[in-house]
Amino acid sequence: MSEVSSVIGHIGLCVPRIEEAIDWYGKALGLQVISGPFEIKADEDAAACDVFGPEFRSVRQAHMVGANGVGLELFEFITPAVDTSVPASYWRAGYSHLCFVVPDIEAAEERIRSLGGRIRTRRIWPLFRDQPYRFLHFEDPFGNLLELHSHGYERTFSNQQP
């Protein structure tokens, strides 16, 4: 394996109601808020205008973190408003899903259901025959596609052959 030259620092996720998202990700997956929510306005932040483009006027933002230090950056766009009319689709180019590793996948599934998440798979599935690695796909209450894994990524996929 080649030398790893970078690490994933955070994932940005758009939600229609940031306080609800903070509450949901905290309760369902144990993420902790480290900053925000706060508002960023186009007339006060040239960098945000450069990132989001000419239609951008304002966004609310918060930062959460998981146990391994990888961040979840939440965005609630005010102007233009978050568009929830198009459901997330795994077959489109770009973002497909975000995966969380949890110590107890059954307990996490129950929390997700009880807090308004939607389970997309019929059950928790094994990744490989005769191996302990399992997964589940679901949506948060805002329609974002997500996944749970029972074990860490490197442990799960290194030396596995299809």
C-alpha atoms as a PDB file:
ATOM      1  CA  MET A   1       0.000   0.000   0.000  1.00  0.00           C
ATOM      2  CA  SER A   2       1.290   3.488  -0.829  1.00  0.00           C
ATOM      3  CA  GLU A   3       1.966   6.036   1.873  1.00  0.00           C
ATOM      4  CA  VAL A   4      -1.146   7.940   2.929  1.00  0.00           C
ATOM      5  CA  SER A   5      -0.627  11.635   2.314  1.00  0.00           C
ATOM      6  CA  SER A   6      -3.897  13.055   3.619  1.00  0.00           C
ATOM      7  CA  VAL A   7      -6.716  12.356   6.045  1.00  0.00           C
ATOM      8  CA  ILE A   8     -10.410  13.172   5.869  1.00  0.00           C
ATOM      9  CA  GLY A   9     -10.944  16.195   8.079  1.00  0.00           C
ATOM     10  CA  HIS A  10     -14.661  16.799   7.709  1.00  0.00           C
ATOM     11  CA  ILE A  11     -17.734  16.272   5.563  1.00  0.00           C
ATOM     12  CA  GLY A  12     -20.118  19.116   4.704  1.00  0.00           C
ATOM     13  CA  LEU A  13     -23.826  18.312   4.837  1.00  0.00           C
ATOM     14  CA  CYS A  14     -26.765  20.531   3.905  1.00  0.00           C
ATOM     15  CA  VAL A  15     -29.853  20.369   6.134  1.00  0.00           C
ATOM     16  CA  PRO A  16     -33.096  22.385   6.153  1.00  0.00           C
ATOM     17  CA  ARG A  17     -33.188  22.961   9.953  1.00  0.00           C
ATOM     18  CA  ILE A  18     -29.804  23.161  11.654  1.00  0.00           C
ATOM     19  CA  GLU A  19     -30.925  22.956  15.300  1.00  0.00           C
ATOM     20  CA  GLU A  20     -32.911  19.792  14.547  1.00  0.00           C
ATOM     21  CA  ALA A  21     -29.904  18.332  12.719  1.00  0.00           C
ATOM     22  CA  ILE A  22     -27.579  19.098  15.642  1.00  0.00           C
ATOM     23  CA  ASP A  23     -30.015  17.424  18.019  1.00  0.00           C
ATOM     24  CA  TRP A  24     -30.515  14.416  15.719  1.00  0.00           C
ATOM     25  CA  TYR A  25     -26.829  13.738  15.008  1.00  0.00           C
ATOM     26  CA  GLY A  26     -26.040  14.132  18.683  1.00  0.00           C
ATOM     27  CA  LYS A  27     -28.740  11.721  19.866  1.00  0.00           C
ATOM     28  CA  ALA A  28     -28.614   9.211  17.002  1.00  0.00           C
ATOM     29  CA  LEU A  29     -24.849   8.971  16.472  1.00  0.00           C
ATOM     30  CA  GLY A  30     -23.212  10.665  19.452  1.00  0.00           C
ATOM     31  CA  LEU A  31     -21.616  13.577  17.586  1.00  0.00           C
ATOM     32  CA  GLN A  32     -20.643  16.613  19.673  1.00  0.00           C
ATOM     33  CA  VAL A  33     -21.065  20.286  18.722  1.00  0.00           C
ATOM     34  CA  ILE A  34     -17.746  22.127  18.729  1.00  0.00           C
ATOM     35  CA  SER A  35     -18.868  25.391  17.084  1.00  0.00           C
ATOM     36  CA  GLY A  36     -22.102  27.147  16.188  1.00  0.00           C
ATOM     37  CA  PRO A  37     -24.641  27.445  14.945  1.00  0.00           C
ATOM     38  CA  PHE A  38     -23.816  30.883  13.592  1.00  0.00           C
ATOM     39  CA  GLU A  39     -24.786  32.876  10.505  1.00  0.00           C
ATOM     40  CA  ILE A  40     -22.489  33.828   7.645  1.00  0.00           C
ATOM     41  CA  LYS A  41     -23.681  36.669   5.395  1.00  0.00           C
ATOM     42  CA  ALA A  42     -22.487  37.458   1.888  1.00  0.00           C
ATOM     43  CA  ASP A  43     -21.945  41.138   2.621  1.00  0.00           C
ATOM     44  CA  GLU A  44     -19.618  40.238   5.526  1.00  0.00           C
ATOM     45  CA  ASP A  45     -17.654  37.298   4.106  1.00  0.00           C
ATOM     46  CA  ALA A  46     -16.002  37.480   0.678  1.00  0.00           C
ATOM     47  CA  ALA A  47     -14.614  33.942   1.028  1.00  0.00           C
ATOM     48  CA  ALA A  48     -18.119  32.488   1.496  1.00  0.00           C
ATOM     49  CA  CYS A  49     -19.263  34.335  -1.636  1.00  0.00           C
ATOM     50  CA  ASP A  50     -16.335  32.847  -3.531  1.00  0.00           C
ATOM     51  CA  VAL A  51     -17.187  29.323  -2.310  1.00  0.00           C
ATOM     52  CA  PHE A  52     -20.972  29.438  -2.743  1.00  0.00           C
ATOM     53  CA  GLY A  53     -21.273  31.671  -5.818  1.00  0.00           C
ATOM     54  CA  PRO A  54     -23.251  34.745  -6.872  1.00  0.00           C
ATOM     55  CA  GLU A  55     -26.677  33.542  -5.631  1.00  0.00           C
ATOM     56  CA  PHE A  56     -25.411  33.177  -2.052  1.00  0.00           C
ATOM     57  CA  ARG A  57     -26.676  35.652   0.555  1.00  0.00           C
ATOM     58  CA  SER A  58     -26.657  33.824   3.921  1.00  0.00           C
ATOM     59  CA  VAL A  59     -26.138  30.458   5.568  1.00  0.00           C
ATOM     60  CA  ARG A  60     -26.231  29.089   9.099  1.00  0.00           C
ATOM     61  CA  GLN A  61     -23.378  26.770   9.966  1.00  0.00           C
ATOM     62  CA  ALA A  62     -22.378  24.444  12.805  1.00  0.00           C
ATOM     63  CA  HIS A  63     -19.489  22.059  13.350  1.00  0.00           C
ATOM     64  CA  MET A  64     -19.811  18.668  15.027  1.00  0.00           C
ATOM     65  CA  VAL A  65     -17.194  15.984  15.618  1.00  0.00           C
ATOM     66  CA  GLY A  66     -17.165  12.210  16.016  1.00  0.00           C
ATOM     67  CA  ALA A  67     -15.084  10.133  18.403  1.00  0.00           C
ATOM     68  CA  ASN A  68     -12.226   9.843  15.878  1.00  0.00           C
ATOM     69  CA  GLY A  69     -11.970  13.600  15.327  1.00  0.00           C
ATOM     70  CA  VAL A  70     -13.537  13.686  11.852  1.00  0.00           C
ATOM     71  CA  GLY A  71     -15.913  16.616  11.557  1.00  0.00           C
ATOM     72  CA  LEU A  72     -19.434  17.048  10.268  1.00  0.00           C
ATOM     73  CA  GLU A  73     -19.978  20.596   8.974  1.00  0.00           C
ATOM     74  CA  LEU A  74     -23.690  21.382   8.825  1.00  0.00           C
ATOM     75  CA  PHE A  75     -25.114  24.045   6.500  1.00  0.00           C
ATOM     76  CA  GLU A  76     -28.616  25.517   6.581  1.00  0.00           C
ATOM     77  CA  PHE A  77     -28.818  27.880   3.639  1.00  0.00           C
ATOM     78  CA  ILE A  78     -31.155  30.806   4.260  1.00  0.00           C
ATOM     79  CA  THR A  79     -30.804  32.568   0.900  1.00  0.00           C
ATOM     80  CA  PRO A  80     -31.078  30.714  -1.323  1.00  0.00           C
ATOM     81  CA  ALA A  81     -33.120  28.349   0.836  1.00  0.00           C
ATOM     82  CA  VAL A  82     -32.304  24.653   1.170  1.00  0.00           C
ATOM     83  CA  ASP A  83     -34.023  22.701  -1.610  1.00  0.00           C
ATOM     84  CA  THR A  84     -35.588  19.505  -0.262  1.00  0.00           C
ATOM     85  CA  SER A  85     -37.770  18.861  -3.324  1.00  0.00           C
ATOM     86  CA  VAL A  86     -35.328  16.453  -5.016  1.00  0.00           C
ATOM     87  CA  PRO A  87     -34.735  13.221  -3.095  1.00  0.00           C
ATOM     88  CA  ALA A  88     -31.144  12.052  -2.637  1.00  0.00           C
ATOM     89  CA  SER A  89     -30.052   9.517  -5.236  1.00  0.00           C
ATOM     90  CA  TYR A  90     -27.123   7.138  -4.899  1.00  0.00           C
ATOM     91  CA  TRP A  91     -26.611   6.855  -8.682  1.00  0.00           C
ATOM     92  CA  ARG A  92     -25.895  10.545  -9.321  1.00  0.00           C
ATOM     93  CA  ALA A  93     -22.324  11.773  -9.695  1.00  0.00           C
ATOM     94  CA  GLY A  94     -20.827  13.282  -6.557  1.00  0.00           C
ATOM     95  CA  TYR A  95     -21.856  12.591  -2.986  1.00  0.00           C
ATOM     96  CA  SER A  96     -23.329   9.110  -2.568  1.00  0.00           C
ATOM     97  CA  HIS A  97     -23.468   8.589   1.186  1.00  0.00           C
ATOM     98  CA  LEU A  98     -21.658   9.196   4.457  1.00  0.00           C
ATOM     99  CA  CYS A  99     -20.748   6.222   6.659  1.00  0.00           C
ATOM    100  CA  PHE A 100     -20.544   6.114  10.455  1.00  0.00           C
ATOM    101  CA  VAL A 101     -18.845   3.336  12.419  1.00  0.00           C
ATOM    102  CA  VAL A 102     -20.769   2.463  15.575  1.00  0.00           C
ATOM    103  CA  PRO A 103     -19.916   0.074  18.423  1.00  0.00           C
ATOM    104  CA  ASP A 104     -23.432  -1.442  18.493  1.00  0.00           C
ATOM    105  CA  ILE A 105     -25.119  -1.403  15.089  1.00  0.00           C
ATOM    106  CA  GLU A 106     -28.439  -2.810  16.400  1.00  0.00           C
ATOM    107  CA  ALA A 107     -28.722  -0.119  19.080  1.00  0.00           C
ATOM    108  CA  ALA A 108     -27.839   2.580  16.540  1.00  0.00           C
ATOM    109  CA  GLU A 109     -30.511   1.263  14.161  1.00  0.00           C
ATOM    110  CA  GLU A 110     -33.106   1.512  16.920  1.00  0.00           C
ATOM    111  CA  ARG A 111     -32.034   5.087  17.815  1.00  0.00           C
ATOM    112  CA  ILE A 112     -32.180   6.116  14.150  1.00  0.00           C
ATOM    113  CA  ARG A 113     -35.725   4.700  13.787  1.00  0.00           C
ATOM    114  CA  SER A 114     -36.948   6.232  17.045  1.00  0.00           C
ATOM    115  CA  LEU A 115     -35.558   9.662  16.144  1.00  0.00           C
ATOM    116  CA  GLY A 116     -37.196   9.874  12.709  1.00  0.00           C
ATOM    117  CA  GLY A 117     -34.514   8.378  10.471  1.00  0.00           C
ATOM    118  CA  ARG A 118     -35.597   6.017   7.681  1.00  0.00           C
ATOM    119  CA  ILE A 119     -33.929   2.635   7.283  1.00  0.00           C
ATOM    120  CA  ARG A 120     -33.362   1.944   3.548  1.00  0.00           C
ATOM    121  CA  THR A 121     -32.156  -1.666   3.745  1.00  0.00           C
ATOM    122  CA  ARG A 122     -34.369  -4.552   4.820  1.00  0.00           C
ATOM    123  CA  ARG A 123     -31.918  -5.554   7.535  1.00  0.00           C
ATOM    124  CA  ILE A 124     -28.343  -5.289   8.764  1.00  0.00           C
ATOM    125  CA  TRP A 125     -26.309  -7.074   6.093  1.00  0.00           C
ATOM    126  CA  PRO A 126     -22.967  -8.912   6.231  1.00  0.00           C
ATOM    127  CA  LEU A 127     -20.286  -7.421   3.980  1.00  0.00           C
ATOM    128  CA  PHE A 128     -18.382 -10.689   3.470  1.00  0.00           C
ATOM    129  CA  ARG A 129     -19.212 -14.346   4.032  1.00  0.00           C
ATOM    130  CA  ASP A 130     -17.900 -15.747   7.324  1.00  0.00           C
ATOM    131  CA  GLN A 131     -16.689 -12.302   8.492  1.00  0.00           C
ATOM    132  CA  PRO A 132     -18.051 -10.112  11.337  1.00  0.00           C
ATOM    133  CA  TYR A 133     -18.314  -6.915   9.222  1.00  0.00           C
ATOM    134  CA  ARG A 134     -21.881  -5.655   8.802  1.00  0.00           C
ATOM    135  CA  PHE A 135     -23.661  -2.606   7.367  1.00  0.00           C
ATOM    136  CA  LEU A 136     -26.997  -0.815   7.146  1.00  0.00           C
ATOM    137  CA  HIS A 137     -28.125   2.055   4.882  1.00  0.00           C
ATOM    138  CA  PHE A 138     -30.494   4.762   6.110  1.00  0.00           C
ATOM    139  CA  GLU A 139     -31.561   8.401   5.717  1.00  0.00           C
ATOM    140  CA  ASP A 140     -31.477  11.108   8.335  1.00  0.00           C
ATOM    141  CA  PRO A 141     -34.801  12.959   8.852  1.00  0.00           C
ATOM    142  CA  PHE A 142     -33.663  15.501   6.222  1.00  0.00           C
ATOM    143  CA  GLY A 143     -33.220  12.985   3.371  1.00  0.00           C
ATOM    144  CA  ASN A 144     -29.415  12.638   3.415  1.00  0.00           C
ATOM    145  CA  LEU A 145     -28.141   9.152   2.488  1.00  0.00           C
ATOM    146  CA  LEU A 146     -26.082   7.533   5.255  1.00  0.00           C
ATOM    147  CA  GLU A 147     -24.614   4.181   6.238  1.00  0.00           C
ATOM    148  CA  LEU A 148     -23.606   2.388   9.428  1.00  0.00           C
ATOM    149  CA  HIS A 149     -20.673  -0.006   9.658  1.00  0.00           C
ATOM    150  CA  SER A 150     -19.925  -2.352  12.499  1.00  0.00           C
ATOM    151  CA  HIS A 151     -16.141  -1.983  12.116  1.00  0.00           C
ATOM    152  CA  GLY A 152     -13.656   0.626  10.922  1.00  0.00           C
ATOM    153  CA  TYR A 153     -12.994   1.108   7.222  1.00  0.00           C
ATOM    154  CA  GLU A 154      -9.378  -0.028   7.084  1.00  0.00           C
ATOM    155  CA  ARG A 155     -10.041  -3.128   9.179  1.00  0.00           C
ATOM    156  CA  THR A 156     -13.094  -4.003   7.095  1.00  0.00           C
ATOM    157  CA  PHE A 157     -11.681  -3.636   3.595  1.00  0.00           C
ATOM    158  CA  SER A 158      -7.944  -4.297   3.749  1.00  0.00           C
ATOM    159  CA  ASN A 159      -7.066  -7.685   2.260  1.00  0.00           C
ATOM    160  CA  GLN A 160     -10.663  -8.423   1.201  1.00  0.00           C
ATOM    161  CA  GLN A 161     -11.183  -9.886  -2.236  1.00  0.00           C
ATOM    162  CA  PRO A 162     -14.601  -9.735  -3.917  1.00  0.00           C
END
